[in-house]
C-alpha atoms as a PDB file:
ATOM      1  CA  UNK A   1     134.833  97.946  39.691  1.00  0.00           C
ATOM      2  CA  UNK A   2     137.052  95.072  38.912  1.00  0.00           C
ATOM      3  CA  UNK A   3     140.895  95.564  38.237  1.00  0.00           C
ATOM      4  CA  UNK A   4     142.218  93.032  35.565  1.00  0.00           C
ATOM      5  CA  UNK A   5     146.229  92.488  34.767  1.00  0.00           C
ATOM      6  CA  UNK A   6     148.049  94.756  32.541  1.00  0.00           C
ATOM      7  CA  UNK A   7     145.288  97.184  33.169  1.00  0.00           C
ATOM      8  CA  UNK A   8     145.262 100.954  34.525  1.00  0.00           C
ATOM      9  CA  UNK A   9     142.573 103.084  36.620  1.00  0.00           C
ATOM     10  CA  UNK A  10     142.790 106.512  37.290  1.00  0.00           C
ATOM     11  CA  UNK A  11     141.955 108.308  40.383  1.00  0.00           C
ATOM     12  CA  UNK A  12     142.042 111.454  41.592  1.00  0.00           C
ATOM     13  CA  UNK A  13     144.866 112.659  43.919  1.00  0.00           C
ATOM     14  CA  UNK A  14     143.953 111.951  47.345  1.00  0.00           C
ATOM     15  CA  UNK A  15     141.636 109.081  46.777  1.00  0.00           C
ATOM     16  CA  UNK A  16     142.079 106.079  48.725  1.00  0.00           C
ATOM     17  CA  UNK A  17     141.248 102.841  47.238  1.00  0.00           C
ATOM     18  CA  UNK A  18     141.182  99.530  48.981  1.00  0.00           C
ATOM     19  CA  UNK A  19     141.108  96.273  47.575  1.00  0.00           C
ATOM     20  CA  UNK A  20     138.469  93.482  48.440  1.00  0.00           C
ATOM     21  CA  UNK A  21     140.383  90.128  48.228  1.00  0.00           C
ATOM     22  CA  UNK A  22     138.697  87.357  46.888  1.00  0.00           C
ATOM     23  CA  UNK A  23     137.895  84.024  48.788  1.00  0.00           C
ATOM     24  CA  UNK A  24     140.078  80.845  48.767  1.00  0.00           C
ATOM     25  CA  UNK A  25     137.272  79.310  46.466  1.00  0.00           C
ATOM     26  CA  UNK A  26     137.796  82.032  43.593  1.00  0.00           C
ATOM     27  CA  UNK A  27     134.650  83.710  44.223  1.00  0.00           C
ATOM     28  CA  UNK A  28     134.454  87.441  45.424  1.00  0.00           C
ATOM     29  CA  UNK A  29     133.288  87.936  49.011  1.00  0.00           C
ATOM     30  CA  UNK A  30     130.054  90.584  48.812  1.00  0.00           C
ATOM     31  CA  UNK A  31     129.344  90.258  52.497  1.00  0.00           C
ATOM     32  CA  UNK A  32     132.895  91.843  53.065  1.00  0.00           C
ATOM     33  CA  UNK A  33     132.170  94.264  50.437  1.00  0.00           C
ATOM     34  CA  UNK A  34     129.155  95.665  51.955  1.00  0.00           C
ATOM     35  CA  UNK A  35     130.397  95.558  55.450  1.00  0.00           C
ATOM     36  CA  UNK A  36     133.278  97.855  54.686  1.00  0.00           C
ATOM     37  CA  UNK A  37     130.769 100.299  53.130  1.00  0.00           C
ATOM     38  CA  UNK A  38     128.316  99.907  55.872  1.00  0.00           C
ATOM     39  CA  UNK A  39     131.113 101.154  58.629  1.00  0.00           C
ATOM     40  CA  UNK A  40     132.318 103.537  56.069  1.00  0.00           C
ATOM     41  CA  UNK A  41     128.822 105.228  56.101  1.00  0.00           C
ATOM     42  CA  UNK A  42     128.233 104.970  59.713  1.00  0.00           C
ATOM     43  CA  UNK A  43     131.662 106.659  60.424  1.00  0.00           C
ATOM     44  CA  UNK A  44     130.282 109.247  58.054  1.00  0.00           C
ATOM     45  CA  UNK A  45     126.769 109.815  59.713  1.00  0.00           C
ATOM     46  CA  UNK A  46     127.457 108.765  63.294  1.00  0.00           C
ATOM     47  CA  UNK A  47     131.620 109.504  63.495  1.00  0.00           C
ATOM     48  CA  UNK A  48     131.581 105.473  64.986  1.00  0.00           C
ATOM     49  CA  UNK A  49     130.449 102.003  64.287  1.00  0.00           C
ATOM     50  CA  UNK A  50     129.888 100.548  67.757  1.00  0.00           C
ATOM     51  CA  UNK A  51     126.144 101.619  67.896  1.00  0.00           C
ATOM     52  CA  UNK A  52     125.598 100.344  64.339  1.00  0.00           C
ATOM     53  CA  UNK A  53     126.255  96.816  65.158  1.00  0.00           C
ATOM     54  CA  UNK A  54     125.044  94.152  66.646  1.00  0.00           C
ATOM     55  CA  UNK A  55     127.085  92.042  69.156  1.00  0.00           C
ATOM     56  CA  UNK A  56     129.324  94.832  70.560  1.00  0.00           C
ATOM     57  CA  UNK A  57     130.269  94.862  74.160  1.00  0.00           C
ATOM     58  CA  UNK A  58     127.891  97.265  76.339  1.00  0.00           C
ATOM     59  CA  UNK A  59     131.517  99.258  77.277  1.00  0.00           C
ATOM     60  CA  UNK A  60     132.529  99.791  73.841  1.00  0.00           C
ATOM     61  CA  UNK A  61     128.836 100.807  73.046  1.00  0.00           C
ATOM     62  CA  UNK A  62     128.774 103.386  75.498  1.00  0.00           C
ATOM     63  CA  UNK A  63     132.294 104.935  74.571  1.00  0.00           C
ATOM     64  CA  UNK A  64     131.084 104.758  70.712  1.00  0.00           C
ATOM     65  CA  UNK A  65     127.884 106.717  71.719  1.00  0.00           C
ATOM     66  CA  UNK A  66     129.735 109.662  73.352  1.00  0.00           C
ATOM     67  CA  UNK A  67     131.534 110.186  70.103  1.00  0.00           C
ATOM     68  CA  UNK A  68     128.546 111.611  68.386  1.00  0.00           C
ATOM     69  CA  UNK A  69     128.218 114.013  71.426  1.00  0.00           C
ATOM     70  CA  UNK A  70     131.783 115.333  70.939  1.00  0.00           C
ATOM     71  CA  UNK A  71     131.109 115.841  67.304  1.00  0.00           C
ATOM     72  CA  UNK A  72     128.073 117.968  67.823  1.00  0.00           C
ATOM     73  CA  UNK A  73     129.724 119.868  70.810  1.00  0.00           C
ATOM     74  CA  UNK A  74     132.735 120.482  68.317  1.00  0.00           C
ATOM     75  CA  UNK A  75     130.865 121.470  65.538  1.00  0.00           C
ATOM     76  CA  UNK A  76     128.625 123.654  67.669  1.00  0.00           C
ATOM     77  CA  UNK A  77     131.924 125.518  69.004  1.00  0.00           C
ATOM     78  CA  UNK A  78     132.979 125.987  65.651  1.00  0.00           C
ATOM     79  CA  UNK A  79     129.950 127.475  64.459  1.00  0.00           C
ATOM     80  CA  UNK A  80     129.501 129.756  67.577  1.00  0.00           C
ATOM     81  CA  UNK A  81     133.160 131.129  66.981  1.00  0.00           C
ATOM     82  CA  UNK A  82     132.943 131.710  63.611  1.00  0.00           C
ATOM     83  CA  UNK A  83     129.899 133.712  64.529  1.00  0.00           C
ATOM     84  CA  UNK A  84     131.575 135.292  67.432  1.00  0.00           C
ATOM     85  CA  UNK A  85     134.553 136.341  65.381  1.00  0.00           C
ATOM     86  CA  UNK A  86     132.553 137.351  62.345  1.00  0.00           C
ATOM     87  CA  UNK A  87     128.992 138.552  62.154  1.00  0.00           C
ATOM     88  CA  UNK A  88     128.722 139.482  65.655  1.00  0.00           C
ATOM     89  CA  UNK A  89     131.770 141.858  65.685  1.00  0.00           C
ATOM     90  CA  UNK A  90     130.584 143.590  62.632  1.00  0.00           C
ATOM     91  CA  UNK A  91     126.987 144.192  63.365  1.00  0.00           C
ATOM     92  CA  UNK A  92     128.155 145.369  66.766  1.00  0.00           C
ATOM     93  CA  UNK A  93     130.330 147.752  65.020  1.00  0.00           C
ATOM     94  CA  UNK A  94     128.061 148.729  62.797  1.00  0.00           C
ATOM     95  CA  UNK A  95     125.011 149.235  64.934  1.00  0.00           C
ATOM     96  CA  UNK A  96     126.939 150.378  68.378  1.00  0.00           C
ATOM     97  CA  UNK A  97     130.664 151.752  67.622  1.00  0.00           C
ATOM     98  CA  UNK A  98     132.979 150.800  70.385  1.00  0.00           C
ATOM     99  CA  UNK A  99     130.496 148.418  72.052  1.00  0.00           C
ATOM    100  CA  UNK A 100     131.772 145.019  73.481  1.00  0.00           C
ATOM    101  CA  UNK A 101     130.404 142.567  70.855  1.00  0.00           C
ATOM    102  CA  UNK A 102     128.445 139.710  72.306  1.00  0.00           C
ATOM    103  CA  UNK A 103     129.508 135.975  73.055  1.00  0.00           C
ATOM    104  CA  UNK A 104     127.030 133.258  71.597  1.00  0.00           C
ATOM    105  CA  UNK A 105     127.548 129.320  72.298  1.00  0.00           C
ATOM    106  CA  UNK A 106     125.197 126.578  72.039  1.00  0.00           C
ATOM    107  CA  UNK A 107     124.935 124.842  75.120  1.00  0.00           C
ATOM    108  CA  UNK A 108     125.577 120.946  74.383  1.00  0.00           C
ATOM    109  CA  UNK A 109     124.403 118.814  77.312  1.00  0.00           C
ATOM    110  CA  UNK A 110     126.080 115.269  77.867  1.00  0.00           C
ATOM    111  CA  UNK A 111     123.137 113.330  79.788  1.00  0.00           C
ATOM    112  CA  UNK A 112     125.641 110.554  81.209  1.00  0.00           C
ATOM    113  CA  UNK A 113     127.888 113.445  82.492  1.00  0.00           C
ATOM    114  CA  UNK A 114     125.488 115.446  84.128  1.00  0.00           C
ATOM    115  CA  UNK A 115     124.036 112.177  85.905  1.00  0.00           C
ATOM    116  CA  UNK A 116     127.470 111.407  87.184  1.00  0.00           C
ATOM    117  CA  UNK A 117     128.015 114.981  88.255  1.00  0.00           C
ATOM    118  CA  UNK A 118     124.602 114.948  90.320  1.00  0.00           C
ATOM    119  CA  UNK A 119     125.496 111.286  91.885  1.00  0.00           C
ATOM    120  CA  UNK A 120     129.051 113.043  92.814  1.00  0.00           C
ATOM    121  CA  UNK A 121     127.140 116.346  94.281  1.00  0.00           C
ATOM    122  CA  UNK A 122     124.763 114.268  96.364  1.00  0.00           C
ATOM    123  CA  UNK A 123     127.678 112.287  97.824  1.00  0.00           C
ATOM    124  CA  UNK A 124     129.130 115.607  98.712  1.00  0.00           C
ATOM    125  CA  UNK A 125     126.004 116.840 100.516  1.00  0.00           C
ATOM    126  CA  UNK A 126     125.810 113.844 102.344  1.00  0.00           C
ATOM    127  CA  UNK A 127     129.348 115.391 104.097  1.00  0.00           C
ATOM    128  CA  UNK A 128     127.817 118.499 104.841  1.00  0.00           C
ATOM    129  CA  UNK A 129     129.161 120.395 102.113  1.00  0.00           C
ATOM    130  CA  UNK A 130     127.069 122.691  99.471  1.00  0.00           C
ATOM    131  CA  UNK A 131     127.571 124.166  96.220  1.00  0.00           C
ATOM    132  CA  UNK A 132     127.602 127.984  95.979  1.00  0.00           C
ATOM    133  CA  UNK A 133     124.468 129.482  93.973  1.00  0.00           C
ATOM    134  CA  UNK A 134     126.961 130.616  91.132  1.00  0.00           C
ATOM    135  CA  UNK A 135     128.136 126.887  90.755  1.00  0.00           C
ATOM    136  CA  UNK A 136     124.852 125.898  90.574  1.00  0.00           C
ATOM    137  CA  UNK A 137     123.872 128.187  87.874  1.00  0.00           C
ATOM    138  CA  UNK A 138     127.187 127.307  86.088  1.00  0.00           C
ATOM    139  CA  UNK A 139     126.233 123.783  85.982  1.00  0.00           C
ATOM    140  CA  UNK A 140     122.425 123.411  86.036  1.00  0.00           C
ATOM    141  CA  UNK A 141     121.374 126.578  84.540  1.00  0.00           C
ATOM    142  CA  UNK A 142     119.079 129.579  86.192  1.00  0.00           C
ATOM    143  CA  UNK A 143     115.485 128.790  87.194  1.00  0.00           C
ATOM    144  CA  UNK A 144     116.761 126.968  90.493  1.00  0.00           C
ATOM    145  CA  UNK A 145     116.392 127.878  94.081  1.00  0.00           C
ATOM    146  CA  UNK A 146     117.355 126.574  97.515  1.00  0.00           C
ATOM    147  CA  UNK A 147     114.627 124.686  99.338  1.00  0.00           C
ATOM    148  CA  UNK A 148     113.156 126.148 102.168  1.00  0.00           C
ATOM    149  CA  UNK A 149     113.570 124.610 105.638  1.00  0.00           C
ATOM    150  CA  UNK A 150     110.639 123.065 106.660  1.00  0.00           C
ATOM    151  CA  UNK A 151     109.451 124.105 110.437  1.00  0.00           C
ATOM    152  CA  UNK A 152     108.863 120.957 112.515  1.00  0.00           C
ATOM    153  CA  UNK A 153     109.707 119.452 115.781  1.00  0.00           C
ATOM    154  CA  UNK A 154     113.286 119.403 116.535  1.00  0.00           C
ATOM    155  CA  UNK A 155     114.920 116.017 117.191  1.00  0.00           C
ATOM    156  CA  UNK A 156     117.704 115.958 119.488  1.00  0.00           C
ATOM    157  CA  UNK A 157     121.057 114.001 118.342  1.00  0.00           C
ATOM    158  CA  UNK A 158     122.129 111.042 120.154  1.00  0.00           C
ATOM    159  CA  UNK A 159     123.538 112.101 123.514  1.00  0.00           C
ATOM    160  CA  UNK A 160     121.980 115.481 123.554  1.00  0.00           C
ATOM    161  CA  UNK A 161     119.613 116.515 126.212  1.00  0.00           C
ATOM    162  CA  UNK A 162     115.845 116.447 125.000  1.00  0.00           C
ATOM    163  CA  UNK A 163     113.208 118.977 125.686  1.00  0.00           C
ATOM    164  CA  UNK A 164     111.458 118.391 128.566  1.00  0.00           C
ATOM    165  CA  UNK A 165     107.988 116.409 127.710  1.00  0.00           C
ATOM    166  CA  UNK A 166     105.045 118.044 129.646  1.00  0.00           C
ATOM    167  CA  UNK A 167     104.064 115.554 132.401  1.00  0.00           C
ATOM    168  CA  UNK A 168     100.146 114.563 132.120  1.00  0.00           C
ATOM    169  CA  UNK A 169      98.162 116.200 134.999  1.00  0.00           C
ATOM    170  CA  UNK A 170      97.220 113.968 138.047  1.00  0.00           C
ATOM    171  CA  UNK A 171      93.643 112.917 137.937  1.00  0.00           C
ATOM    172  CA  UNK A 172      93.141 114.472 141.266  1.00  0.00           C
ATOM    173  CA  UNK A 173      93.780 117.776 140.322  1.00  0.00           C
ATOM    174  CA  UNK A 174      91.226 117.582 137.305  1.00  0.00           C
ATOM    175  CA  UNK A 175      88.725 116.270 139.606  1.00  0.00           C
ATOM    176  CA  UNK A 176      89.134 118.860 141.673  1.00  0.00           C
ATOM    177  CA  UNK A 177      89.041 121.822 139.305  1.00  0.00           C
ATOM    178  CA  UNK A 178      85.806 119.997 137.680  1.00  0.00           C
ATOM    179  CA  UNK A 179      84.093 119.922 141.323  1.00  0.00           C
ATOM    180  CA  UNK A 180      85.038 123.435 142.031  1.00  0.00           C
ATOM    181  CA  UNK A 181      83.689 124.647 138.521  1.00  0.00           C
ATOM    182  CA  UNK A 182      80.510 123.012 139.191  1.00  0.00           C
ATOM    183  CA  UNK A 183      80.219 124.280 142.925  1.00  0.00           C
ATOM    184  CA  UNK A 184      80.489 127.939 141.911  1.00  0.00           C
ATOM    185  CA  UNK A 185      76.636 128.121 141.412  1.00  0.00           C
ATOM    186  CA  UNK A 186      75.682 126.435 144.451  1.00  0.00           C
ATOM    187  CA  UNK A 187      78.228 128.606 146.420  1.00  0.00           C
ATOM    188  CA  UNK A 188      76.933 131.918 144.883  1.00  0.00           C
ATOM    189  CA  UNK A 189      73.057 130.512 145.991  1.00  0.00           C
ATOM    190  CA  UNK A 190      74.063 129.957 149.426  1.00  0.00           C
ATOM    191  CA  UNK A 191      76.103 132.986 149.841  1.00  0.00           C
ATOM    192  CA  UNK A 192      73.162 135.357 148.369  1.00  0.00           C
ATOM    193  CA  UNK A 193      70.932 133.516 150.860  1.00  0.00           C
ATOM    194  CA  UNK A 194      73.302 134.467 153.955  1.00  0.00           C
ATOM    195  CA  UNK A 195      73.793 137.499 152.642  1.00  0.00           C
ATOM    196  CA  UNK A 196      69.696 138.327 152.318  1.00  0.00           C
ATOM    197  CA  UNK A 197      69.472 137.286 156.027  1.00  0.00           C
ATOM    198  CA  UNK A 198      72.425 139.824 156.972  1.00  0.00           C
ATOM    199  CA  UNK A 199      70.782 142.769 155.173  1.00  0.00           C
ATOM    200  CA  UNK A 200      67.548 142.003 156.811  1.00  0.00           C
ATOM    201  CA  UNK A 201      69.292 141.939 160.385  1.00  0.00           C
ATOM    202  CA  UNK A 202      71.030 145.121 159.556  1.00  0.00           C
ATOM    203  CA  UNK A 203      67.645 146.915 158.835  1.00  0.00           C
ATOM    204  CA  UNK A 204      66.094 145.453 162.063  1.00  0.00           C
ATOM    205  CA  UNK A 205      68.785 146.674 163.946  1.00  0.00           C
ATOM    206  CA  UNK A 206      69.919 142.695 165.546  1.00  0.00           C
ATOM    207  CA  UNK A 207      73.371 142.385 166.631  1.00  0.00           C
ATOM    208  CA  UNK A 208      75.515 139.496 165.638  1.00  0.00           C
ATOM    209  CA  UNK A 209      74.153 137.200 168.357  1.00  0.00           C
ATOM    210  CA  UNK A 210      70.651 137.571 167.390  1.00  0.00           C
ATOM    211  CA  UNK A 211      71.931 137.156 163.720  1.00  0.00           C
ATOM    212  CA  UNK A 212      73.908 133.727 164.439  1.00  0.00           C
ATOM    213  CA  UNK A 213      70.710 132.286 165.901  1.00  0.00           C
ATOM    214  CA  UNK A 214      68.632 133.214 163.298  1.00  0.00           C
ATOM    215  CA  UNK A 215      71.106 131.639 160.790  1.00  0.00           C
ATOM    216  CA  UNK A 216      70.475 128.412 163.270  1.00  0.00           C
ATOM    217  CA  UNK A 217      67.039 128.343 163.127  1.00  0.00           C
ATOM    218  CA  UNK A 218      66.555 128.778 159.263  1.00  0.00           C
ATOM    219  CA  UNK A 219      64.861 125.787 157.893  1.00  0.00           C
ATOM    220  CA  UNK A 220      66.907 126.003 154.621  1.00  0.00           C
ATOM    221  CA  UNK A 221      69.683 128.020 152.867  1.00  0.00           C
ATOM    222  CA  UNK A 222      69.152 128.049 149.095  1.00  0.00           C
ATOM    223  CA  UNK A 223      72.187 125.802 147.254  1.00  0.00           C
ATOM    224  CA  UNK A 224      73.002 123.624 150.391  1.00  0.00           C
ATOM    225  CA  UNK A 225      71.290 120.447 148.984  1.00  0.00           C
ATOM    226  CA  UNK A 226      72.798 121.014 145.411  1.00  0.00           C
ATOM    227  CA  UNK A 227      76.409 121.715 147.056  1.00  0.00           C
ATOM    228  CA  UNK A 228      75.785 118.440 149.368  1.00  0.00           C
ATOM    229  CA  UNK A 229      74.849 116.087 146.226  1.00  0.00           C
ATOM    230  CA  UNK A 230      77.723 117.673 144.158  1.00  0.00           C
ATOM    231  CA  UNK A 231      80.152 116.835 147.277  1.00  0.00           C
ATOM    232  CA  UNK A 232      78.879 113.335 147.241  1.00  0.00           C
ATOM    233  CA  UNK A 233      79.608 112.634 143.653  1.00  0.00           C
ATOM    234  CA  UNK A 234      82.947 113.986 143.748  1.00  0.00           C
ATOM    235  CA  UNK A 235      83.864 111.838 146.918  1.00  0.00           C
ATOM    236  CA  UNK A 236      82.649 108.556 145.135  1.00  0.00           C
ATOM    237  CA  UNK A 237      84.521 109.543 141.870  1.00  0.00           C
ATOM    238  CA  UNK A 238      87.703 110.064 143.723  1.00  0.00           C
ATOM    239  CA  UNK A 239      86.998 106.977 145.878  1.00  0.00           C
ATOM    240  CA  UNK A 240      86.411 104.924 142.557  1.00  0.00           C
ATOM    241  CA  UNK A 241      89.917 106.561 140.606  1.00  0.00           C
ATOM    242  CA  UNK A 242      91.924 105.583 143.708  1.00  0.00           C
ATOM    243  CA  UNK A 243      90.984 102.099 143.591  1.00  0.00           C
ATOM    244  CA  UNK A 244      91.786 102.204 139.724  1.00  0.00           C
ATOM    245  CA  UNK A 245      95.415 103.275 140.288  1.00  0.00           C
ATOM    246  CA  UNK A 246      94.722 106.960 139.438  1.00  0.00           C
ATOM    247  CA  UNK A 247      96.744 109.751 141.076  1.00  0.00           C
END
């Protein structure tokens, strides 16, 4: 719309009018005209112009980007408050006279704020402090539970006495236990042979001296050769282990 000299234009009351000045060459600057209305449209839709322009500083853009979240939260609070003061009260009194009307609120989350709070909680937890269950529910909502402590070996702090570590069994004890286990059969066979001779001597009525002479005249006892071979192998193994430095 152009205004000429000695002309009159009627505007509604409260209507703001801004004039676009002509450039020095006398031609109208339509670029400024379009930029003006682009900013006006951005303010109506986004409530800010920082995120709709190219070349804005990152800090300015971040500040302006939070304006839309504030506007959304303000609108949500306004709508919820009008519902809480109106239909919520009326419907409650109608269906449940005397009951306390519920409160309805829309939760509008600010991702940047949530990230900043989580980083702060992490730093506080590093100091040995932790949030209560009520505070966690208030900040992050329901559906959360504390992590269970994992069972595992406990490591002592610096300067504390650690648990005694089991020392390895000396090889000599291991060899002795193995030799005893392997010699049980040979011992049993030899003892059974001596017991049979003793039973025969008792049946004949021999005395102990006769039984001793009888044992010396026996050609062979059962299990003696097996026991001798076992002891020989054990002695050789012990000698080799000693040369290797085993205890």
